[in-house]
Amino acid sequence: MKSTPFNEFLGTRLISREPGHCVVALDLEPHHANRRGVAHGGVVSSVLDSAMGGAVVSTMTEQEWCATMQLSVTFVDGPRAGTTITATGRVVRRGRRVAFAEGTLADPEGRTLATAQGVWYIWPTPPAG
């Protein structure tokens, strides 16, 4: 899977992707942290969005295209710089035009740091513009 410029900028890396399932990881650096020294909520949300979106993409044909319509994240604990976080995304249901996914973010010991649910819209071909 080719990485996106945003994922390269953020530093996420693909661990695995198979139909309906995707795992991505991020080594947290000081620039990922907020003033409290924990990963910024936007970083956590982005890693989960990438894992769940990757799971959705893994169910699509070559010509299909998708975008996140809705993303809901529940923050359980705040990971600190120097930690590797891993997000696992899974497709719950895939229709012709809409997919539902869920995700979990964990630390190296397997403790849940955040959970997420999302909805993706699927176009049969790339949208214009």
Protein backbone atom coordinates (compact mmCIF):
# COMPACT_ATOMS: atom_id res chain seq x y z
CA MET A 1 0.00 0.00 0.00
CA LYS A 2 1.32 3.39 -0.97
CA SER A 3 1.49 5.84 1.94
CA THR A 4 -0.26 9.19 1.68
CA PRO A 5 1.65 12.46 2.09
CA PHE A 6 -0.26 13.13 5.32
CA ASN A 7 0.68 9.75 6.81
CA GLU A 8 4.31 10.34 5.83
CA PHE A 9 4.18 13.76 7.51
CA LEU A 10 2.58 12.34 10.67
CA GLY A 11 4.95 9.34 10.71
CA THR A 12 2.44 6.49 10.66
CA ARG A 13 3.51 3.19 9.18
CA LEU A 14 1.45 0.30 7.86
CA ILE A 15 1.85 -2.90 9.88
CA SER A 16 -0.70 -5.08 8.05
CA ARG A 17 -3.71 -4.82 5.79
CA GLU A 18 -6.00 -7.60 4.68
CA PRO A 19 -9.65 -7.57 3.58
CA GLY A 20 -11.64 -5.66 6.17
CA HIS A 21 -8.75 -5.20 8.59
CA CYS A 22 -5.81 -2.79 8.91
CA VAL A 23 -3.14 -2.07 11.53
CA VAL A 24 -0.98 1.07 11.62
CA ALA A 25 1.57 2.28 14.17
CA LEU A 26 3.17 5.57 15.18
CA ASP A 27 6.26 6.20 17.28
CA LEU A 28 5.23 9.21 19.35
CA GLU A 29 7.72 12.07 19.25
CA PRO A 30 7.70 15.32 21.28
CA HIS A 31 6.07 17.20 18.37
CA HIS A 32 3.02 14.86 18.61
CA ALA A 33 2.34 15.98 22.21
CA ASN A 34 0.09 18.65 23.66
CA ARG A 35 0.99 20.92 26.61
CA ARG A 36 0.36 18.09 29.07
CA GLY A 37 2.99 15.96 27.35
CA VAL A 38 0.55 13.40 25.96
CA ALA A 39 -0.35 12.74 22.34
CA HIS A 40 -2.59 15.49 20.96
CA GLY A 41 -6.16 14.33 20.37
CA GLY A 42 -5.79 15.12 16.68
CA VAL A 43 -2.84 12.73 16.44
CA VAL A 44 -4.78 9.94 18.15
CA SER A 45 -7.80 10.61 15.89
CA SER A 46 -5.64 10.63 12.76
CA VAL A 47 -3.99 7.30 13.57
CA LEU A 48 -7.39 5.70 14.20
CA ASP A 49 -8.83 7.27 11.03
CA SER A 50 -5.89 5.85 9.04
CA ALA A 51 -6.37 2.33 10.43
CA MET A 52 -10.14 2.29 9.94
CA GLY A 53 -9.88 3.98 6.52
CA GLY A 54 -7.25 1.42 5.53
CA ALA A 55 -9.64 -1.36 6.51
CA VAL A 56 -12.37 0.20 4.34
CA VAL A 57 -9.98 0.69 1.40
CA SER A 58 -9.01 -2.98 1.65
CA THR A 59 -12.60 -3.91 0.70
CA MET A 60 -12.76 -1.68 -2.38
CA THR A 61 -12.11 -2.31 -6.04
CA GLU A 62 -9.28 -0.50 -7.84
CA GLN A 63 -11.62 2.15 -9.30
CA GLU A 64 -13.61 2.88 -6.11
CA TRP A 65 -12.81 5.90 -3.95
CA CYS A 66 -13.80 6.75 -0.37
CA ALA A 67 -13.80 9.50 2.24
CA THR A 68 -14.53 9.66 5.95
CA MET A 69 -18.06 10.98 6.56
CA GLN A 70 -18.12 10.69 10.34
CA LEU A 71 -15.53 9.88 13.00
CA SER A 72 -16.15 9.51 16.74
CA VAL A 73 -13.26 8.95 19.14
CA THR A 74 -13.39 8.07 22.84
CA PHE A 75 -10.14 8.89 24.63
CA VAL A 76 -9.38 6.43 27.44
CA ASP A 77 -5.78 7.29 28.37
CA GLY A 78 -3.08 9.61 27.04
CA PRO A 79 0.09 8.09 25.56
CA ARG A 80 3.34 10.01 26.03
CA ALA A 81 6.23 10.73 23.65
CA GLY A 82 8.63 7.80 23.42
CA THR A 83 5.75 5.32 23.17
CA THR A 84 4.68 3.40 20.07
CA ILE A 85 0.93 3.41 19.59
CA THR A 86 -0.85 0.89 17.39
CA ALA A 87 -4.30 1.33 15.85
CA THR A 88 -6.36 -1.58 14.58
CA GLY A 89 -9.27 -0.89 12.22
CA ARG A 90 -12.01 -3.30 11.23
CA VAL A 91 -14.91 -3.01 8.81
CA VAL A 92 -18.15 -3.77 10.64
CA ARG A 93 -20.42 -3.50 7.60
CA ARG A 94 -19.82 -2.59 3.97
CA GLY A 95 -22.61 -1.59 1.63
CA ARG A 96 -22.44 -0.39 -1.95
CA ARG A 97 -22.00 3.29 -1.01
CA VAL A 98 -21.35 3.32 2.75
CA ALA A 99 -18.99 1.43 5.07
CA PHE A 100 -18.97 1.31 8.87
CA ALA A 101 -15.74 0.66 10.78
CA GLU A 102 -14.47 0.52 14.32
CA GLY A 103 -11.00 0.93 15.75
CA THR A 104 -8.89 0.53 18.85
CA LEU A 105 -5.68 2.31 19.78
CA ALA A 106 -3.31 0.49 22.14
CA ASP A 107 0.08 0.93 23.80
CA PRO A 108 2.89 -1.68 23.57
CA GLU A 109 1.44 -3.57 26.56
CA GLY A 110 -1.92 -3.88 24.80
CA ARG A 111 -3.76 -1.38 27.02
CA THR A 112 -6.58 0.42 25.24
CA LEU A 113 -5.86 4.14 24.85
CA ALA A 114 -8.82 5.08 22.64
CA THR A 115 -11.67 3.57 20.67
CA ALA A 116 -13.39 4.90 17.56
CA GLN A 117 -16.27 4.36 15.20
CA GLY A 118 -16.63 5.85 11.75
CA VAL A 119 -18.60 5.96 8.53
CA TRP A 120 -17.08 6.16 5.02
CA TYR A 121 -18.80 7.15 1.79
CA ILE A 122 -17.77 5.10 -1.25
CA TRP A 123 -17.85 6.42 -4.83
CA PRO A 124 -17.80 3.96 -7.76
CA THR A 125 -15.06 6.12 -9.40
CA PRO A 126 -12.86 8.95 -8.11
CA PRO A 127 -14.95 12.11 -7.57
CA ALA A 128 -14.41 15.08 -9.86
CA GLY A 129 -12.13 17.81 -8.53
